[in-house]
Amino acid sequence: MAKPKTEFALNQKVVYPSQGVGKITEIFKRDFKGEQVYFYKIYLEVSDMIVMVPAEKAASLGIRAIVSAKEAQEALDLISEEFETPTSDWKLRYQMNLDLLKKGTVKDIASIVRCLYHRSKVKELPILERKLYDNAKKLLEDEISDAMKISVKEVEDMLHAKLEPLGAKIEKKPVYSDDDEDDEDEFAEENNNSRDSDDDDDDEDD
């Protein structure tokens, strides 16, 4: 039986932006709107979930191969680089980092971890940002673990070593209260409604 002409191969590890590292467990054909279309079945271990994605849509969804060990190291090195202090407007900061997460490159994810870690040293993160930080950190740890063929625990230790010197080095400036943190629930609801709308569009495409 001829192998399907798809970008990714069976059992290959891939990154699904905002979802995590997954493994292609099956590549199959299915009738879709009168045409035979290849699909990837991807198992996402972090959420114990299986998703099915049309192969031709994988690139537009941002699905990509795991980076090389060299690229993983570059992302780690970026963590300890100095950077511009993030805005104190948590809603703007959240949206900027959420956009980076959706882009999903390993350096984008590392930038989110660096930004929110530093911000958390200045002031406790709002709930939405804490979740975003935890998500980005998990994504980064899992991908670097696969790329460098080391355990997640080893990656955690490497990240900690990269983050701590940065946190100690950056001078903490007076931080003014974020007046709009009180409307976090309202902002979260707006974001969820927007995301639900996007998900409905994806379902229609599938």
C-alpha atoms as a PDB file:
ATOM      1  CA  MET A   1       0.000   0.000   0.000  1.00  0.00           C
ATOM      2  CA  ALA A   2       1.437   3.369  -1.041  1.00  0.00           C
ATOM      3  CA  LYS A   3       2.269   5.852   1.696  1.00  0.00           C
ATOM      4  CA  PRO A   4       0.053   8.941   1.735  1.00  0.00           C
ATOM      5  CA  LYS A   5       1.708  12.138   0.532  1.00  0.00           C
ATOM      6  CA  THR A   6       1.453  14.147   3.730  1.00  0.00           C
ATOM      7  CA  GLU A   7       3.797  16.546   5.493  1.00  0.00           C
ATOM      8  CA  PHE A   8       3.932  14.480   8.673  1.00  0.00           C
ATOM      9  CA  ALA A   9       4.477  10.760   9.132  1.00  0.00           C
ATOM     10  CA  LEU A  10       2.818   8.123  11.267  1.00  0.00           C
ATOM     11  CA  ASN A  11       4.064   8.183  14.896  1.00  0.00           C
ATOM     12  CA  GLN A  12       5.723  11.576  14.381  1.00  0.00           C
ATOM     13  CA  LYS A  13       5.625  14.049  17.275  1.00  0.00           C
ATOM     14  CA  VAL A  14       4.129  17.431  16.417  1.00  0.00           C
ATOM     15  CA  VAL A  15       3.177  20.645  18.195  1.00  0.00           C
ATOM     16  CA  TYR A  16      -0.435  21.808  18.069  1.00  0.00           C
ATOM     17  CA  PRO A  17      -0.461  25.528  19.065  1.00  0.00           C
ATOM     18  CA  SER A  18      -2.247  26.196  22.357  1.00  0.00           C
ATOM     19  CA  GLN A  19      -2.887  22.449  22.758  1.00  0.00           C
ATOM     20  CA  GLY A  20       0.541  20.907  23.286  1.00  0.00           C
ATOM     21  CA  VAL A  21       2.815  18.214  21.963  1.00  0.00           C
ATOM     22  CA  GLY A  22       1.008  15.393  20.220  1.00  0.00           C
ATOM     23  CA  LYS A  23       1.721  12.193  18.360  1.00  0.00           C
ATOM     24  CA  ILE A  24       0.244  11.242  14.993  1.00  0.00           C
ATOM     25  CA  THR A  25      -1.334   7.863  15.664  1.00  0.00           C
ATOM     26  CA  GLU A  26      -3.093   7.421  12.348  1.00  0.00           C
ATOM     27  CA  ILE A  27      -3.230   8.884   8.843  1.00  0.00           C
ATOM     28  CA  PHE A  28      -6.393   7.982   7.006  1.00  0.00           C
ATOM     29  CA  LYS A  29      -8.634   8.989   4.121  1.00  0.00           C
ATOM     30  CA  ARG A  30     -12.221  10.054   4.551  1.00  0.00           C
ATOM     31  CA  ASP A  31     -14.880  11.350   2.217  1.00  0.00           C
ATOM     32  CA  PHE A  32     -15.224  15.070   2.850  1.00  0.00           C
ATOM     33  CA  LYS A  33     -17.656  17.133   0.771  1.00  0.00           C
ATOM     34  CA  GLY A  34     -17.489  14.613  -2.019  1.00  0.00           C
ATOM     35  CA  GLU A  35     -13.686  14.341  -2.052  1.00  0.00           C
ATOM     36  CA  GLN A  36     -11.241  11.865  -0.530  1.00  0.00           C
ATOM     37  CA  VAL A  37      -9.230  13.834   2.022  1.00  0.00           C
ATOM     38  CA  TYR A  38      -6.319  12.722   4.213  1.00  0.00           C
ATOM     39  CA  PHE A  39      -6.701  13.278   7.940  1.00  0.00           C
ATOM     40  CA  TYR A  40      -4.250  13.133  10.837  1.00  0.00           C
ATOM     41  CA  LYS A  41      -5.392  11.565  14.076  1.00  0.00           C
ATOM     42  CA  ILE A  42      -3.312  13.255  16.782  1.00  0.00           C
ATOM     43  CA  TYR A  43      -3.121  12.119  20.401  1.00  0.00           C
ATOM     44  CA  LEU A  44      -2.422  14.966  22.854  1.00  0.00           C
ATOM     45  CA  GLU A  45      -1.038  13.413  26.006  1.00  0.00           C
ATOM     46  CA  VAL A  46      -1.219  16.554  28.147  1.00  0.00           C
ATOM     47  CA  SER A  47      -5.031  16.647  27.820  1.00  0.00           C
ATOM     48  CA  ASP A  48      -5.544  12.940  27.030  1.00  0.00           C
ATOM     49  CA  MET A  49      -7.429  14.008  23.940  1.00  0.00           C
ATOM     50  CA  ILE A  50      -7.551  12.868  20.323  1.00  0.00           C
ATOM     51  CA  VAL A  51      -8.101  15.374  17.520  1.00  0.00           C
ATOM     52  CA  MET A  52      -8.604  14.736  13.828  1.00  0.00           C
ATOM     53  CA  VAL A  53      -7.248  17.347  11.444  1.00  0.00           C
ATOM     54  CA  PRO A  54      -7.405  17.499   7.626  1.00  0.00           C
ATOM     55  CA  ALA A  55      -3.801  17.135   6.464  1.00  0.00           C
ATOM     56  CA  GLU A  56      -4.139  20.053   4.060  1.00  0.00           C
ATOM     57  CA  LYS A  57      -5.222  22.332   6.934  1.00  0.00           C
ATOM     58  CA  ALA A  58      -2.427  21.385   9.325  1.00  0.00           C
ATOM     59  CA  ALA A  59      -0.133  24.230   8.251  1.00  0.00           C
ATOM     60  CA  SER A  60      -2.853  26.892   8.488  1.00  0.00           C
ATOM     61  CA  LEU A  61      -3.664  25.662  12.000  1.00  0.00           C
ATOM     62  CA  GLY A  62      -0.013  26.130  12.940  1.00  0.00           C
ATOM     63  CA  ILE A  63       0.678  22.422  13.478  1.00  0.00           C
ATOM     64  CA  ARG A  64       4.400  21.867  13.108  1.00  0.00           C
ATOM     65  CA  ALA A  65       7.157  19.372  13.743  1.00  0.00           C
ATOM     66  CA  ILE A  66       9.101  19.323  16.998  1.00  0.00           C
ATOM     67  CA  VAL A  67      12.103  21.656  16.754  1.00  0.00           C
ATOM     68  CA  SER A  68      15.699  20.445  16.601  1.00  0.00           C
ATOM     69  CA  ALA A  69      17.867  20.197  19.705  1.00  0.00           C
ATOM     70  CA  LYS A  70      19.730  23.319  18.530  1.00  0.00           C
ATOM     71  CA  GLU A  71      16.506  25.319  18.234  1.00  0.00           C
ATOM     72  CA  ALA A  72      15.402  24.068  21.645  1.00  0.00           C
ATOM     73  CA  GLN A  73      18.658  25.307  23.158  1.00  0.00           C
ATOM     74  CA  GLU A  74      18.204  28.684  21.471  1.00  0.00           C
ATOM     75  CA  ALA A  75      14.756  28.962  23.057  1.00  0.00           C
ATOM     76  CA  LEU A  76      16.254  28.145  26.445  1.00  0.00           C
ATOM     77  CA  ASP A  77      18.953  30.757  25.953  1.00  0.00           C
ATOM     78  CA  LEU A  78      16.330  33.358  25.050  1.00  0.00           C
ATOM     79  CA  ILE A  79      14.796  32.856  28.504  1.00  0.00           C
ATOM     80  CA  SER A  80      17.779  34.479  30.222  1.00  0.00           C
ATOM     81  CA  GLU A  81      18.173  37.381  27.783  1.00  0.00           C
ATOM     82  CA  GLU A  82      17.204  40.866  28.923  1.00  0.00           C
ATOM     83  CA  PHE A  83      13.986  42.190  27.462  1.00  0.00           C
ATOM     84  CA  GLU A  84      11.685  45.164  27.537  1.00  0.00           C
ATOM     85  CA  THR A  85       9.581  45.299  30.693  1.00  0.00           C
ATOM     86  CA  PRO A  86       6.022  44.212  29.859  1.00  0.00           C
ATOM     87  CA  THR A  87       3.147  46.670  30.084  1.00  0.00           C
ATOM     88  CA  SER A  88       1.364  46.979  33.433  1.00  0.00           C
ATOM     89  CA  ASP A  89      -1.998  46.758  31.632  1.00  0.00           C
ATOM     90  CA  TRP A  90      -2.741  43.095  32.268  1.00  0.00           C
ATOM     91  CA  LYS A  91      -5.450  42.848  29.579  1.00  0.00           C
ATOM     92  CA  LEU A  92      -3.138  44.173  26.881  1.00  0.00           C
ATOM     93  CA  ARG A  93      -0.307  41.963  28.139  1.00  0.00           C
ATOM     94  CA  TYR A  94      -2.599  38.926  28.225  1.00  0.00           C
ATOM     95  CA  GLN A  95      -3.792  39.472  24.660  1.00  0.00           C
ATOM     96  CA  MET A  96      -0.238  39.990  23.365  1.00  0.00           C
ATOM     97  CA  ASN A  97       0.915  36.762  24.967  1.00  0.00           C
ATOM     98  CA  LEU A  98      -2.204  34.886  23.865  1.00  0.00           C
ATOM     99  CA  ASP A  99      -1.444  35.915  20.267  1.00  0.00           C
ATOM    100  CA  LEU A 100       2.097  34.581  20.689  1.00  0.00           C
ATOM    101  CA  LEU A 101       0.727  31.299  22.031  1.00  0.00           C
ATOM    102  CA  LYS A 102      -1.502  30.948  18.971  1.00  0.00           C
ATOM    103  CA  LYS A 103       1.502  31.523  16.686  1.00  0.00           C
ATOM    104  CA  GLY A 104       3.138  28.715  18.612  1.00  0.00           C
ATOM    105  CA  THR A 105       6.820  28.845  17.676  1.00  0.00           C
ATOM    106  CA  VAL A 106       9.122  27.574  20.387  1.00  0.00           C
ATOM    107  CA  LYS A 107      10.657  31.037  20.779  1.00  0.00           C
ATOM    108  CA  ASP A 108       7.225  32.652  21.049  1.00  0.00           C
ATOM    109  CA  ILE A 109       6.366  30.240  23.860  1.00  0.00           C
ATOM    110  CA  ALA A 110       9.697  30.917  25.569  1.00  0.00           C
ATOM    111  CA  SER A 111       8.982  34.662  25.344  1.00  0.00           C
ATOM    112  CA  ILE A 112       5.639  34.165  27.117  1.00  0.00           C
ATOM    113  CA  VAL A 113       7.296  32.208  29.918  1.00  0.00           C
ATOM    114  CA  ARG A 114      10.003  34.846  30.304  1.00  0.00           C
ATOM    115  CA  CYS A 115       7.533  37.754  30.259  1.00  0.00           C
ATOM    116  CA  LEU A 116       5.038  36.313  32.743  1.00  0.00           C
ATOM    117  CA  TYR A 117       7.674  34.906  35.053  1.00  0.00           C
ATOM    118  CA  HIS A 118       9.241  38.349  35.361  1.00  0.00           C
ATOM    119  CA  ARG A 119       5.870  39.997  35.837  1.00  0.00           C
ATOM    120  CA  SER A 120       4.982  37.528  38.591  1.00  0.00           C
ATOM    121  CA  LYS A 121       8.109  38.602  40.479  1.00  0.00           C
ATOM    122  CA  VAL A 122       6.845  42.187  40.436  1.00  0.00           C
ATOM    123  CA  LYS A 123       3.191  41.512  41.171  1.00  0.00           C
ATOM    124  CA  GLU A 124       0.984  38.452  41.463  1.00  0.00           C
ATOM    125  CA  LEU A 125      -0.525  37.509  38.111  1.00  0.00           C
ATOM    126  CA  PRO A 126      -4.293  37.614  37.542  1.00  0.00           C
ATOM    127  CA  ILE A 127      -5.885  34.162  37.249  1.00  0.00           C
ATOM    128  CA  LEU A 128      -6.057  34.220  33.437  1.00  0.00           C
ATOM    129  CA  GLU A 129      -2.374  35.064  33.165  1.00  0.00           C
ATOM    130  CA  ARG A 130      -1.382  32.413  35.678  1.00  0.00           C
ATOM    131  CA  LYS A 131      -3.209  29.846  33.546  1.00  0.00           C
ATOM    132  CA  LEU A 132      -1.542  31.184  30.415  1.00  0.00           C
ATOM    133  CA  TYR A 133       1.867  31.015  32.089  1.00  0.00           C
ATOM    134  CA  ASP A 134       1.316  27.444  33.288  1.00  0.00           C
ATOM    135  CA  ASN A 135       0.122  26.403  29.834  1.00  0.00           C
ATOM    136  CA  ALA A 136       3.054  28.014  28.030  1.00  0.00           C
ATOM    137  CA  LYS A 137       5.568  26.587  30.504  1.00  0.00           C
ATOM    138  CA  LYS A 138       4.148  23.073  30.076  1.00  0.00           C
ATOM    139  CA  LEU A 139       4.226  23.409  26.276  1.00  0.00           C
ATOM    140  CA  LEU A 140       7.826  24.588  26.388  1.00  0.00           C
ATOM    141  CA  GLU A 141       8.950  21.855  28.762  1.00  0.00           C
ATOM    142  CA  ASP A 142       7.325  19.086  26.725  1.00  0.00           C
ATOM    143  CA  GLU A 143       8.728  20.250  23.393  1.00  0.00           C
ATOM    144  CA  ILE A 144      12.257  20.808  24.695  1.00  0.00           C
ATOM    145  CA  SER A 145      12.118  17.416  26.410  1.00  0.00           C
ATOM    146  CA  ASP A 146      11.282  15.725  23.096  1.00  0.00           C
ATOM    147  CA  ALA A 147      13.730  17.840  21.082  1.00  0.00           C
ATOM    148  CA  MET A 148      16.700  17.267  23.396  1.00  0.00           C
ATOM    149  CA  LYS A 149      15.770  13.698  24.382  1.00  0.00           C
ATOM    150  CA  ILE A 150      15.862  14.467  28.088  1.00  0.00           C
ATOM    151  CA  SER A 151      13.296  14.182  30.871  1.00  0.00           C
ATOM    152  CA  VAL A 152      10.763  16.902  31.617  1.00  0.00           C
ATOM    153  CA  LYS A 153      12.282  17.175  35.109  1.00  0.00           C
ATOM    154  CA  GLU A 154      15.663  18.006  33.580  1.00  0.00           C
ATOM    155  CA  VAL A 155      14.033  20.666  31.428  1.00  0.00           C
ATOM    156  CA  GLU A 156      12.268  22.121  34.483  1.00  0.00           C
ATOM    157  CA  ASP A 157      15.622  22.443  36.223  1.00  0.00           C
ATOM    158  CA  MET A 158      17.182  24.085  33.156  1.00  0.00           C
ATOM    159  CA  LEU A 159      14.296  26.550  32.891  1.00  0.00           C
ATOM    160  CA  HIS A 160      14.542  27.408  36.574  1.00  0.00           C
ATOM    161  CA  ALA A 161      18.278  28.078  36.216  1.00  0.00           C
ATOM    162  CA  LYS A 162      17.589  30.363  33.237  1.00  0.00           C
ATOM    163  CA  LEU A 163      14.700  32.222  34.897  1.00  0.00           C
ATOM    164  CA  GLU A 164      16.068  32.848  38.358  1.00  0.00           C
ATOM    165  CA  PRO A 165      19.144  34.902  37.392  1.00  0.00           C
ATOM    166  CA  LEU A 166      16.864  37.071  35.240  1.00  0.00           C
ATOM    167  CA  GLY A 167      14.461  37.600  38.081  1.00  0.00           C
ATOM    168  CA  ALA A 168      17.267  38.565  40.436  1.00  0.00           C
ATOM    169  CA  LYS A 169      19.022  40.787  37.899  1.00  0.00           C
ATOM    170  CA  ILE A 170      16.155  42.997  36.744  1.00  0.00           C
ATOM    171  CA  GLU A 171      15.621  45.999  38.951  1.00  0.00           C
ATOM    172  CA  LYS A 172      12.128  46.117  40.339  1.00  0.00           C
ATOM    173  CA  LYS A 173      10.497  49.477  39.700  1.00  0.00           C
ATOM    174  CA  PRO A 174       7.476  50.862  41.540  1.00  0.00           C
ATOM    175  CA  VAL A 175       4.369  49.224  40.166  1.00  0.00           C
ATOM    176  CA  TYR A 176       1.086  51.050  40.030  1.00  0.00           C
ATOM    177  CA  SER A 177      -2.143  49.210  40.639  1.00  0.00           C
ATOM    178  CA  ASP A 178      -3.850  47.782  37.575  1.00  0.00           C
ATOM    179  CA  ASP A 179      -7.188  49.544  37.865  1.00  0.00           C
ATOM    180  CA  ASP A 180      -8.886  47.203  35.442  1.00  0.00           C
ATOM    181  CA  GLU A 181      -7.943  43.922  37.132  1.00  0.00           C
ATOM    182  CA  ASP A 182     -11.365  43.983  38.799  1.00  0.00           C
ATOM    183  CA  ASP A 183     -13.067  43.301  35.484  1.00  0.00           C
ATOM    184  CA  GLU A 184     -11.074  40.126  34.816  1.00  0.00           C
ATOM    185  CA  ASP A 185     -14.202  37.968  34.892  1.00  0.00           C
ATOM    186  CA  GLU A 186     -15.853  40.169  32.278  1.00  0.00           C
ATOM    187  CA  PHE A 187     -12.739  40.038  30.115  1.00  0.00           C
ATOM    188  CA  ALA A 188     -12.545  36.245  30.473  1.00  0.00           C
ATOM    189  CA  GLU A 189     -16.167  35.877  29.432  1.00  0.00           C
ATOM    190  CA  GLU A 190     -15.613  38.040  26.339  1.00  0.00           C
ATOM    191  CA  ASN A 191     -12.530  35.982  25.462  1.00  0.00           C
ATOM    192  CA  ASN A 192     -14.368  32.689  25.906  1.00  0.00           C
ATOM    193  CA  ASN A 193     -17.229  33.869  23.718  1.00  0.00           C
ATOM    194  CA  SER A 194     -14.748  34.837  21.019  1.00  0.00           C
ATOM    195  CA  ARG A 195     -12.948  31.507  21.338  1.00  0.00           C
ATOM    196  CA  ASP A 196     -16.244  29.575  21.201  1.00  0.00           C
ATOM    197  CA  SER A 197     -17.077  31.396  17.969  1.00  0.00           C
ATOM    198  CA  ASP A 198     -13.702  30.402  16.517  1.00  0.00           C
ATOM    199  CA  ASP A 199     -14.258  26.789  17.582  1.00  0.00           C
ATOM    200  CA  ASP A 200     -17.652  26.762  15.857  1.00  0.00           C
ATOM    201  CA  ASP A 201     -15.975  27.938  12.655  1.00  0.00           C
ATOM    202  CA  ASP A 202     -13.404  25.139  12.942  1.00  0.00           C
ATOM    203  CA  ASP A 203     -16.149  22.556  13.480  1.00  0.00           C
ATOM    204  CA  GLU A 204     -17.891  23.736  10.327  1.00  0.00           C
ATOM    205  CA  ASP A 205     -14.649  23.396   8.382  1.00  0.00           C
ATOM    206  CA  ASP A 206     -14.171  19.839   9.647  1.00  0.00           C
END
